[in-house]
Amino acid sequence: MSYSDTWLIVPVYNEAEVLGDVLSEALQTFPNIVCVDDGSRDDSAEIALNSGAHLVQHPVNLGQGAALQTGIEYARSRPGADYFVTFDSDGQHQVSDVKQMIDRLRLGEIDLCVGTRFHGDTDHIPWIKRLLLRTIVLLSPGLRTLQLTDAHNGLRVFNRTVANQFNITHNGMGHASEIIAMARRHGWRVAESPVTIVYTEYSMAKGQSVINGVNILFESILRTSSRR
C-alpha cells in the first residue's frame, strides 16, 4: 500500500544521536516526513536535511507543542496530504504501529487515532511512568469522556478535517491536554490503538517522558482545582 498521502510530523530537539536511524527506517515506508528542528544545539538539523526529509527550523527552542503546530501547518499545506502523524524522534515509536493506525483511519469511521501503551502486559513500562499516566487519566474528565487510557502518547494519526482545525497554543507539554480539549470541542471521532513504545537506553537516559509526565500531572491538578 502507498502512503504518499500521509505526512509524518517529527519534532526534533537535540536528537542527533538517534535521528538518522529513526528517519532512515521511517522513510522506507513514508516518503513524506517533515522534521521541525526546535532550536537544537547539535547536528540534528543537518542530519534531518541529509536524510531526505523536509526540514523546518525554529531559531530558538519553543517547545514540543510549538514544533508540532509548525509541522502540522507545513504538512497540511502540501498537495495531496490527507493523513497526518505525530511521531517522536527518539526511536520510541514503531512504523508498523503507524501503518495499522492509518489503515484504521482509512475506513472513515474515526477522525483521530491515539496510540495507547496500556494493553496486555504493561510490565515493560517503567513503574513511575505507569503511575503518572494512570493518575493523569483519573484527573482528566476529558480523557475519561473520550475513553482514552494513555494521557501522554505522542503517536497520533488524524485526517484532513482534524489537521485543518488543529491550533495548538501551548508551546510546551500542555499541548497534550489541549489536543484532548480540541477533540471534545470540535466533536472529532476519537479511538485508541494499541502500540508498542520501545524504551531504549537512550530515551531512558534522557528521561524526558518522566519530566513531561510530571508537567502534565501538575497541569491536570491545577485544572481540576480551578473547577472546584
Foldseek 3Di string as FASTA:
>chain_A
DAPAQEEEQEEDAQQVVQQLVVLLVLCVRYVEYEYEDQCHPDCNQVSCVVSNYHYHYDVHHQADLVSRLVRLVVQLVDPNHWKYKYDYRNPFFDNVQVVVQVVVVVVVPFFKEFEDQPDDDNPVPPPLQVVLQQLLCVLDPLCVVLVHRGQDGRTMMGTSVLSVVDDQPDRYLCSSVVSSVSCVVVVGGYYYDYGGTDDDPVNVVVVVSSVSSVVSSVVSVVVSVVVD
